[in-house]
PDB file of all heavy atoms in Angstrom:
ATOM      1  N   ARG A   1       9.594  24.736  25.925  1.00  0.00           N
ATOM      2  CA  ARG A   1      10.209  25.986  26.398  1.00  0.00           C
ATOM      3  C   ARG A   1      10.524  26.948  25.286  1.00  0.00           C
ATOM      4  O   ARG A   1      10.600  28.143  25.503  1.00  0.00           O
ATOM      5  CB  ARG A   1      11.489  25.634  27.160  1.00  0.00           C
ATOM      6  CG  ARG A   1      11.246  24.815  28.432  1.00  0.00           C
ATOM      7  CD  ARG A   1      10.629  25.670  29.508  1.00  0.00           C
ATOM      8  NE  ARG A   1      10.328  24.882  30.718  1.00  0.00           N
ATOM      9  CZ  ARG A   1       9.126  24.425  31.047  1.00  0.00           C
ATOM     10  NH1 ARG A   1       8.099  24.690  30.229  1.00  0.00           N
ATOM     11  NH2 ARG A   1       8.920  23.740  32.143  1.00  0.00           N
ATOM     12  N   ALA A   2      10.745  26.473  24.081  1.00  0.00           N
ATOM     13  CA  ALA A   2      11.036  27.372  22.965  1.00  0.00           C
ATOM     14  C   ALA A   2       9.829  28.298  22.728  1.00  0.00           C
ATOM     15  O   ALA A   2       8.696  27.956  23.131  1.00  0.00           O
ATOM     16  CB  ALA A   2      11.329  26.557  21.720  1.00  0.00           C
ATOM     17  N   PRO A   3      10.021  29.443  22.116  1.00  0.00           N
ATOM     18  CA  PRO A   3       8.874  30.309  21.826  1.00  0.00           C
ATOM     19  C   PRO A   3       7.793  29.550  21.069  1.00  0.00           C
ATOM     20  O   PRO A   3       8.110  28.852  20.115  1.00  0.00           O
ATOM     21  CB  PRO A   3       9.497  31.443  20.956  1.00  0.00           C
ATOM     22  CG  PRO A   3      10.942  31.472  21.380  1.00  0.00           C
ATOM     23  CD  PRO A   3      11.318  30.041  21.674  1.00  0.00           C
ATOM     24  N   HIS A   4       6.552  29.679  21.511  1.00  0.00           N
ATOM     25  CA  HIS A   4       5.528  28.856  20.923  1.00  0.00           C
ATOM     26  C   HIS A   4       4.129  29.432  21.177  1.00  0.00           C
ATOM     27  O   HIS A   4       3.943  30.257  22.059  1.00  0.00           O
ATOM     28  CB  HIS A   4       5.563  27.437  21.486  1.00  0.00           C
ATOM     29  CG  HIS A   4       5.242  27.364  22.957  1.00  0.00           C
ATOM     30  ND1 HIS A   4       6.191  27.545  23.929  1.00  0.00           N
ATOM     31  CD2 HIS A   4       4.059  27.136  23.597  1.00  0.00           C
ATOM     32  CE1 HIS A   4       5.625  27.422  25.109  1.00  0.00           C
ATOM     33  NE2 HIS A   4       4.314  27.174  24.959  1.00  0.00           N
ATOM     34  N   ARG A   5       3.205  28.942  20.373  1.00  0.00           N
ATOM     35  CA  ARG A   5       1.768  29.117  20.611  1.00  0.00           C
ATOM     36  C   ARG A   5       1.158  27.709  20.489  1.00  0.00           C
ATOM     37  O   ARG A   5       1.392  27.028  19.499  1.00  0.00           O
ATOM     38  CB  ARG A   5       1.118  30.045  19.577  1.00  0.00           C
ATOM     39  CG  ARG A   5       1.658  31.438  19.590  1.00  0.00           C
ATOM     40  CD  ARG A   5       1.022  32.304  18.503  1.00  0.00           C
ATOM     41  NE  ARG A   5      -0.401  32.486  18.765  1.00  0.00           N
ATOM     42  CZ  ARG A   5      -1.043  33.679  18.595  1.00  0.00           C
ATOM     43  NH1 ARG A   5      -0.356  34.725  18.214  1.00  0.00           N
ATOM     44  NH2 ARG A   5      -2.314  33.755  18.820  1.00  0.00           N
ATOM     45  N   VAL A   6       0.418  27.289  21.488  1.00  0.00           N
ATOM     46  CA  VAL A   6      -0.220  25.953  21.469  1.00  0.00           C
ATOM     47  C   VAL A   6      -1.732  26.159  21.468  1.00  0.00           C
ATOM     48  O   VAL A   6      -2.293  26.766  22.365  1.00  0.00           O
ATOM     49  CB  VAL A   6       0.200  25.113  22.671  1.00  0.00           C
ATOM     50  CG1 VAL A   6      -0.581  23.792  22.659  1.00  0.00           C
ATOM     51  CG2 VAL A   6       1.687  24.835  22.653  1.00  0.00           C
ATOM     52  N   HIS A   7      -2.354  25.621  20.418  1.00  0.00           N
ATOM     53  CA  HIS A   7      -3.827  25.616  20.342  1.00  0.00           C
ATOM     54  C   HIS A   7      -4.335  24.199  20.584  1.00  0.00           C
ATOM     55  O   HIS A   7      -3.946  23.280  19.884  1.00  0.00           O
ATOM     56  CB  HIS A   7      -4.310  26.090  18.986  1.00  0.00           C
ATOM     57  CG  HIS A   7      -5.798  25.914  18.765  1.00  0.00           C
ATOM     58  ND1 HIS A   7      -6.720  26.814  19.251  1.00  0.00           N
ATOM     59  CD2 HIS A   7      -6.486  24.913  18.154  1.00  0.00           C
ATOM     60  CE1 HIS A   7      -7.924  26.376  18.948  1.00  0.00           C
ATOM     61  NE2 HIS A   7      -7.825  25.235  18.291  1.00  0.00           N
ATOM     62  N   GLU A   8      -5.167  24.046  21.599  1.00  0.00           N
ATOM     63  CA  GLU A   8      -5.798  22.758  21.863  1.00  0.00           C
ATOM     64  C   GLU A   8      -7.136  22.696  21.151  1.00  0.00           C
ATOM     65  O   GLU A   8      -7.986  23.541  21.365  1.00  0.00           O
ATOM     66  CB  GLU A   8      -5.968  22.547  23.364  1.00  0.00           C
ATOM     67  CG  GLU A   8      -4.662  22.395  24.127  1.00  0.00           C
ATOM     68  CD  GLU A   8      -4.892  22.025  25.568  1.00  0.00           C
ATOM     69  OE1 GLU A   8      -5.731  21.167  25.836  1.00  0.00           O
ATOM     70  OE2 GLU A   8      -4.206  22.627  26.422  1.00  0.00           O
ATOM     71  N   TRP A   9      -7.263  21.668  20.295  1.00  0.00           N
ATOM     72  CA  TRP A   9      -8.475  21.562  19.482  1.00  0.00           C
ATOM     73  C   TRP A   9      -9.734  21.488  20.356  1.00  0.00           C
ATOM     74  O   TRP A   9      -9.773  20.816  21.370  1.00  0.00           O
ATOM     75  CB  TRP A   9      -8.427  20.314  18.611  1.00  0.00           C
ATOM     76  CG  TRP A   9      -9.566  20.237  17.631  1.00  0.00           C
ATOM     77  CD1 TRP A   9      -9.596  20.709  16.361  1.00  0.00           C
ATOM     78  CD2 TRP A   9     -10.861  19.667  17.889  1.00  0.00           C
ATOM     79  NE1 TRP A   9     -10.835  20.469  15.799  1.00  0.00           N
ATOM     80  CE2 TRP A   9     -11.629  19.830  16.711  1.00  0.00           C
ATOM     81  CE3 TRP A   9     -11.430  19.038  19.002  1.00  0.00           C
ATOM     82  CZ2 TRP A   9     -12.962  19.403  16.597  1.00  0.00           C
ATOM     83  CZ3 TRP A   9     -12.750  18.600  18.891  1.00  0.00           C
ATOM     84  CH2 TRP A   9     -13.503  18.781  17.707  1.00  0.00           C
ATOM     85  N   SER A  10     -10.751  22.215  19.907  1.00  0.00           N
ATOM     86  CA  SER A  10     -12.064  22.163  20.558  1.00  0.00           C
ATOM     87  C   SER A  10     -13.099  22.528  19.515  1.00  0.00           C
ATOM     88  O   SER A  10     -12.881  23.461  18.702  1.00  0.00           O
ATOM     89  CB  SER A  10     -12.127  23.139  21.748  1.00  0.00           C
ATOM     90  OG  SER A  10     -13.470  23.290  22.175  1.00  0.00           O
ATOM     91  N   ALA A  11     -14.220  21.823  19.543  1.00  0.00           N
ATOM     92  CA  ALA A  11     -15.297  22.136  18.595  1.00  0.00           C
ATOM     93  C   ALA A  11     -15.854  23.523  18.862  1.00  0.00           C
ATOM     94  O   ALA A  11     -16.500  24.123  17.961  1.00  0.00           O
ATOM     95  CB  ALA A  11     -16.403  21.095  18.719  1.00  0.00           C
ATOM     96  N   ALA A  12     -15.627  24.066  20.029  1.00  0.00           N
ATOM     97  CA  ALA A  12     -16.191  25.370  20.400  1.00  0.00           C
ATOM     98  C   ALA A  12     -15.293  26.533  20.058  1.00  0.00           C
ATOM     99  O   ALA A  12     -15.680  27.700  20.238  1.00  0.00           O
ATOM    100  CB  ALA A  12     -16.537  25.392  21.881  1.00  0.00           C
ATOM    101  N   THR A  13     -14.067  26.303  19.585  1.00  0.00           N
ATOM    102  CA  THR A  13     -13.150  27.361  19.303  1.00  0.00           C
ATOM    103  C   THR A  13     -12.737  27.333  17.820  1.00  0.00           C
ATOM    104  O   THR A  13     -12.809  26.321  17.160  1.00  0.00           O
ATOM    105  CB  THR A  13     -11.884  27.269  20.177  1.00  0.00           C
ATOM    106  OG1 THR A  13     -11.248  25.999  19.913  1.00  0.00           O
ATOM    107  CG2 THR A  13     -12.252  27.356  21.636  1.00  0.00           C
ATOM    108  N   THR A  14     -12.295  28.475  17.344  1.00  0.00           N
ATOM    109  CA  THR A  14     -11.810  28.594  15.964  1.00  0.00           C
ATOM    110  C   THR A  14     -10.455  27.912  15.845  1.00  0.00           C
ATOM    111  O   THR A  14      -9.543  28.154  16.642  1.00  0.00           O
ATOM    112  CB  THR A  14     -11.688  30.056  15.568  1.00  0.00           C
ATOM    113  OG1 THR A  14     -12.951  30.695  15.699  1.00  0.00           O
ATOM    114  CG2 THR A  14     -11.217  30.179  14.117  1.00  0.00           C
ATOM    115  N   ASN A  15     -10.325  27.072  14.854  1.00  0.00           N
ATOM    116  CA  ASN A  15      -9.102  26.284  14.658  1.00  0.00           C
ATOM    117  C   ASN A  15      -8.122  27.121  13.810  1.00  0.00           C
ATOM    118  O   ASN A  15      -8.474  27.518  12.668  1.00  0.00           O
ATOM    119  CB  ASN A  15      -9.427  24.981  13.955  1.00  0.00           C
ATOM    120  CG  ASN A  15      -8.275  23.998  14.027  1.00  0.00           C
ATOM    121  OD1 ASN A  15      -7.135  24.376  14.177  1.00  0.00           O
ATOM    122  ND2 ASN A  15      -8.574  22.728  13.895  1.00  0.00           N
ATOM    123  N   PRO A  16      -6.886  27.333  14.281  1.00  0.00           N
ATOM    124  CA  PRO A  16      -5.929  28.123  13.478  1.00  0.00           C
ATOM    125  C   PRO A  16      -5.182  27.259  12.441  1.00  0.00           C
ATOM    126  O   PRO A  16      -4.223  27.732  11.840  1.00  0.00           O
ATOM    127  CB  PRO A  16      -4.953  28.615  14.545  1.00  0.00           C
ATOM    128  CG  PRO A  16      -4.958  27.486  15.563  1.00  0.00           C
ATOM    129  CD  PRO A  16      -6.359  26.965  15.608  1.00  0.00           C
ATOM    130  N   TYR A  17      -5.617  26.024  12.250  1.00  0.00           N
ATOM    131  CA  TYR A  17      -4.923  25.077  11.362  1.00  0.00           C
ATOM    132  C   TYR A  17      -4.574  25.680  10.011  1.00  0.00           C
ATOM    133  O   TYR A  17      -3.448  25.636   9.547  1.00  0.00           O
ATOM    134  CB  TYR A  17      -5.831  23.841  11.198  1.00  0.00           C
ATOM    135  CG  TYR A  17      -5.270  22.685  10.419  1.00  0.00           C
ATOM    136  CD1 TYR A  17      -4.506  21.685  11.074  1.00  0.00           C
ATOM    137  CD2 TYR A  17      -5.521  22.513   9.061  1.00  0.00           C
ATOM    138  CE1 TYR A  17      -4.026  20.590  10.362  1.00  0.00           C
ATOM    139  CE2 TYR A  17      -5.026  21.406   8.353  1.00  0.00           C
ATOM    140  CZ  TYR A  17      -4.292  20.461   9.013  1.00  0.00           C
ATOM    141  OH  TYR A  17      -3.816  19.373   8.322  1.00  0.00           O
ATOM    142  N   ALA A  18      -5.598  26.261   9.335  1.00  0.00           N
ATOM    143  CA  ALA A  18      -5.375  26.820   7.982  1.00  0.00           C
ATOM    144  C   ALA A  18      -4.389  27.990   8.024  1.00  0.00           C
ATOM    145  O   ALA A  18      -3.538  28.125   7.151  1.00  0.00           O
ATOM    146  CB  ALA A  18      -6.704  27.264   7.394  1.00  0.00           C
ATOM    147  N   THR A  19      -4.498  28.808   9.051  1.00  0.00           N
ATOM    148  CA  THR A  19      -3.612  29.969   9.167  1.00  0.00           C
ATOM    149  C   THR A  19      -2.167  29.513   9.424  1.00  0.00           C
ATOM    150  O   THR A  19      -1.201  30.023   8.821  1.00  0.00           O
ATOM    151  CB  THR A  19      -4.076  30.904  10.298  1.00  0.00           C
ATOM    152  OG1 THR A  19      -5.427  31.295  10.037  1.00  0.00           O
ATOM    153  CG2 THR A  19      -3.195  32.142  10.353  1.00  0.00           C
ATOM    154  N   TYR A  20      -1.990  28.551  10.326  1.00  0.00           N
ATOM    155  CA  TYR A  20      -0.646  28.042  10.605  1.00  0.00           C
ATOM    156  C   TYR A  20      -0.004  27.485   9.344  1.00  0.00           C
ATOM    157  O   TYR A  20       1.182  27.711   9.058  1.00  0.00           O
ATOM    158  CB  TYR A  20      -0.713  26.961  11.676  1.00  0.00           C
ATOM    159  CG  TYR A  20      -0.927  27.478  13.087  1.00  0.00           C
ATOM    160  CD1 TYR A  20      -1.060  28.838  13.350  1.00  0.00           C
ATOM    161  CD2 TYR A  20      -0.992  26.602  14.161  1.00  0.00           C
ATOM    162  CE1 TYR A  20      -1.273  29.304  14.641  1.00  0.00           C
ATOM    163  CE2 TYR A  20      -1.186  27.048  15.448  1.00  0.00           C
ATOM    164  CZ  TYR A  20      -1.346  28.407  15.697  1.00  0.00           C
ATOM    165  OH  TYR A  20      -1.525  28.843  16.970  1.00  0.00           O
ATOM    166  N   LEU A  21      -0.781  26.712   8.559  1.00  0.00           N
ATOM    167  CA  LEU A  21      -0.234  26.149   7.318  1.00  0.00           C
ATOM    168  C   LEU A  21       0.123  27.257   6.329  1.00  0.00           C
ATOM    169  O   LEU A  21       1.143  27.150   5.620  1.00  0.00           O
ATOM    170  CB  LEU A  21      -1.250  25.192   6.691  1.00  0.00           C
ATOM    171  CG  LEU A  21      -1.389  23.830   7.370  1.00  0.00           C
ATOM    172  CD1 LEU A  21      -2.527  23.037   6.692  1.00  0.00           C
ATOM    173  CD2 LEU A  21      -0.095  23.023   7.290  1.00  0.00           C
ATOM    174  N   ALA A  22      -0.695  28.306   6.265  1.00  0.00           N
ATOM    175  CA  ALA A  22      -0.481  29.360   5.284  1.00  0.00           C
ATOM    176  C   ALA A  22       0.769  30.178   5.557  1.00  0.00           C
ATOM    177  O   ALA A  22       1.444  30.673   4.622  1.00  0.00           O
ATOM    178  CB  ALA A  22      -1.701  30.279   5.214  1.00  0.00           C
ATOM    179  N   VAL A  23       1.115  30.347   6.839  1.00  0.00           N
ATOM    180  CA  VAL A  23       2.207  31.246   7.180  1.00  0.00           C
ATOM    181  C   VAL A  23       3.496  30.513   7.557  1.00  0.00           C
ATOM    182  O   VAL A  23       4.538  31.138   7.744  1.00  0.00           O
ATOM    183  CB  VAL A  23       1.809  32.199   8.354  1.00  0.00           C
ATOM    184  CG1 VAL A  23       0.548  32.991   7.996  1.00  0.00           C
ATOM    185  CG2 VAL A  23       1.607  31.389   9.644  1.00  0.00           C
ATOM    186  N   ALA A  24       3.451  29.193   7.662  1.00  0.00           N
ATOM    187  CA  ALA A  24       4.606  28.435   8.170  1.00  0.00           C
ATOM    188  C   ALA A  24       5.760  28.447   7.182  1.00  0.00           C
ATOM    189  O   ALA A  24       5.605  28.307   5.975  1.00  0.00           O
ATOM    190  CB  ALA A  24       4.187  26.972   8.437  1.00  0.00           C
ATOM    191  N   ASP A  25       6.972  28.605   7.715  1.00  0.00           N
ATOM    192  CA  ASP A  25       8.191  28.462   6.935  1.00  0.00           C
ATOM    193  C   ASP A  25       8.568  26.987   6.840  1.00  0.00           C
ATOM    194  O   ASP A  25       9.223  26.559   5.870  1.00  0.00           O
ATOM    195  CB  ASP A  25       9.324  29.233   7.601  1.00  0.00           C
ATOM    196  CG  ASP A  25       9.007  30.714   7.730  1.00  0.00           C
ATOM    197  OD1 ASP A  25       8.753  31.333   6.675  1.00  0.00           O
ATOM    198  OD2 ASP A  25       9.011  31.231   8.852  1.00  0.00           O
ATOM    199  N   THR A  26       8.186  26.190   7.825  1.00  0.00           N
ATOM    200  CA  THR A  26       8.427  24.767   7.886  1.00  0.00           C
ATOM    201  C   THR A  26       7.218  24.144   8.570  1.00  0.00           C
ATOM    202  O   THR A  26       6.565  24.790   9.400  1.00  0.00           O
ATOM    203  CB  THR A  26       9.700  24.426   8.687  1.00  0.00           C
ATOM    204  OG1 THR A  26      10.821  25.079   8.080  1.00  0.00           O
ATOM    205  CG2 THR A  26       9.961  22.926   8.743  1.00  0.00           C
ATOM    206  N   VAL A  27       6.917  22.875   8.214  1.00  0.00           N
ATOM    207  CA  VAL A  27       5.818  22.178   8.860  1.00  0.00           C
ATOM    208  C   VAL A  27       6.347  20.853   9.412  1.00  0.00           C
ATOM    209  O   VAL A  27       7.032  20.123   8.715  1.00  0.00           O
ATOM    210  CB  VAL A  27       4.649  21.899   7.878  1.00  0.00           C
ATOM    211  CG1 VAL A  27       3.483  21.212   8.628  1.00  0.00           C
ATOM    212  CG2 VAL A  27       4.169  23.177   7.222  1.00  0.00           C
ATOM    213  N   ILE A  28       6.023  20.575  10.679  1.00  0.00           N
ATOM    214  CA  ILE A  28       6.312  19.288  11.279  1.00  0.00           C
ATOM    215  C   ILE A  28       4.970  18.633  11.620  1.00  0.00           C
ATOM    216  O   ILE A  28       4.088  19.280  12.198  1.00  0.00           O
ATOM    217  CB  ILE A  28       7.170  19.432  12.553  1.00  0.00           C
ATOM    218  CG1 ILE A  28       8.532  20.002  12.185  1.00  0.00           C
ATOM    219  CG2 ILE A  28       7.320  18.114  13.290  1.00  0.00           C
ATOM    220  CD1 ILE A  28       9.403  20.358  13.361  1.00  0.00           C
ATOM    221  N   VAL A  29       4.796  17.388  11.235  1.00  0.00           N
ATOM    222  CA  VAL A  29       3.510  16.702  11.417  1.00  0.00           C
ATOM    223  C   VAL A  29       3.733  15.325  11.996  1.00  0.00           C
ATOM    224  O   VAL A  29       4.706  14.648  11.611  1.00  0.00           O
ATOM    225  CB  VAL A  29       2.751  16.647  10.071  1.00  0.00           C
ATOM    226  CG1 VAL A  29       3.564  16.016   8.996  1.00  0.00           C
ATOM    227  CG2 VAL A  29       1.404  15.926  10.212  1.00  0.00           C
ATOM    228  N   THR A  30       2.909  14.916  12.936  1.00  0.00           N
ATOM    229  CA  THR A  30       3.007  13.540  13.458  1.00  0.00           C
ATOM    230  C   THR A  30       2.484  12.585  12.404  1.00  0.00           C
ATOM    231  O   THR A  30       1.540  12.885  11.676  1.00  0.00           O
ATOM    232  CB  THR A  30       2.244  13.398  14.761  1.00  0.00           C
ATOM    233  OG1 THR A  30       0.874  13.751  14.586  1.00  0.00           O
ATOM    234  CG2 THR A  30       2.845  14.303  15.846  1.00  0.00           C
ATOM    235  N   GLY A  31       3.101  11.404  12.354  1.00  0.00           N
ATOM    236  CA  GLY A  31       2.869  10.496  11.212  1.00  0.00           C
ATOM    237  C   GLY A  31       1.665   9.605  11.349  1.00  0.00           C
ATOM    238  O   GLY A  31       1.561   8.619  10.597  1.00  0.00           O
ATOM    239  N   ASP A  32       0.727   9.916  12.251  1.00  0.00           N
ATOM    240  CA  ASP A  32      -0.445   9.082  12.408  1.00  0.00           C
ATOM    241  C   ASP A  32      -1.519   9.376  11.404  1.00  0.00           C
ATOM    242  O   ASP A  32      -2.455   8.603  11.212  1.00  0.00           O
ATOM    243  CB  ASP A  32      -1.010   9.278  13.818  1.00  0.00           C
ATOM    244  CG  ASP A  32      -1.281  10.747  14.100  1.00  0.00           C
ATOM    245  OD1 ASP A  32      -0.299  11.458  14.390  1.00  0.00           O
ATOM    246  OD2 ASP A  32      -2.418  11.201  14.066  1.00  0.00           O
ATOM    247  N   SER A  33      -1.467  10.546  10.743  1.00  0.00           N
ATOM    248  CA  SER A  33      -2.514  10.968   9.815  1.00  0.00           C
ATOM    249  C   SER A  33      -1.928  11.321   8.460  1.00  0.00           C
ATOM    250  O   SER A  33      -1.223  12.313   8.321  1.00  0.00           O
ATOM    251  CB  SER A  33      -3.268  12.180  10.382  1.00  0.00           C
ATOM    252  OG  SER A  33      -4.105  12.745   9.375  1.00  0.00           O
ATOM    253  N   ILE A  34      -2.217  10.492   7.468  1.00  0.00           N
ATOM    254  CA  ILE A  34      -1.708  10.805   6.120  1.00  0.00           C
ATOM    255  C   ILE A  34      -2.386  12.018   5.559  1.00  0.00           C
ATOM    256  O   ILE A  34      -1.853  12.731   4.722  1.00  0.00           O
ATOM    257  CB  ILE A  34      -1.849   9.567   5.194  1.00  0.00           C
ATOM    258  CG1 ILE A  34      -1.033   9.802   3.931  1.00  0.00           C
ATOM    259  CG2 ILE A  34      -3.287   9.294   4.887  1.00  0.00           C
ATOM    260  CD1 ILE A  34      -0.944   8.554   3.049  1.00  0.00           C
ATOM    261  N   SER A  35      -3.612  12.324   6.042  1.00  0.00           N
ATOM    262  CA  SER A  35      -4.287  13.531   5.574  1.00  0.00           C
ATOM    263  C   SER A  35      -3.553  14.776   6.023  1.00  0.00           C
ATOM    264  O   SER A  35      -3.385  15.743   5.264  1.00  0.00           O
ATOM    265  CB  SER A  35      -5.734  13.550   6.059  1.00  0.00           C
ATOM    266  OG  SER A  35      -6.485  12.489   5.506  1.00  0.00           O
TER     267      SER A  35
END
């Protein structure tokens, strides 16, 4: 419910991953991927 943008990964769409990392003030990551 909080203000948000949700991108669902798809091989057919541009991934905003790099942009989100570049502009984020804080990052929260699930602990399943050390990468």
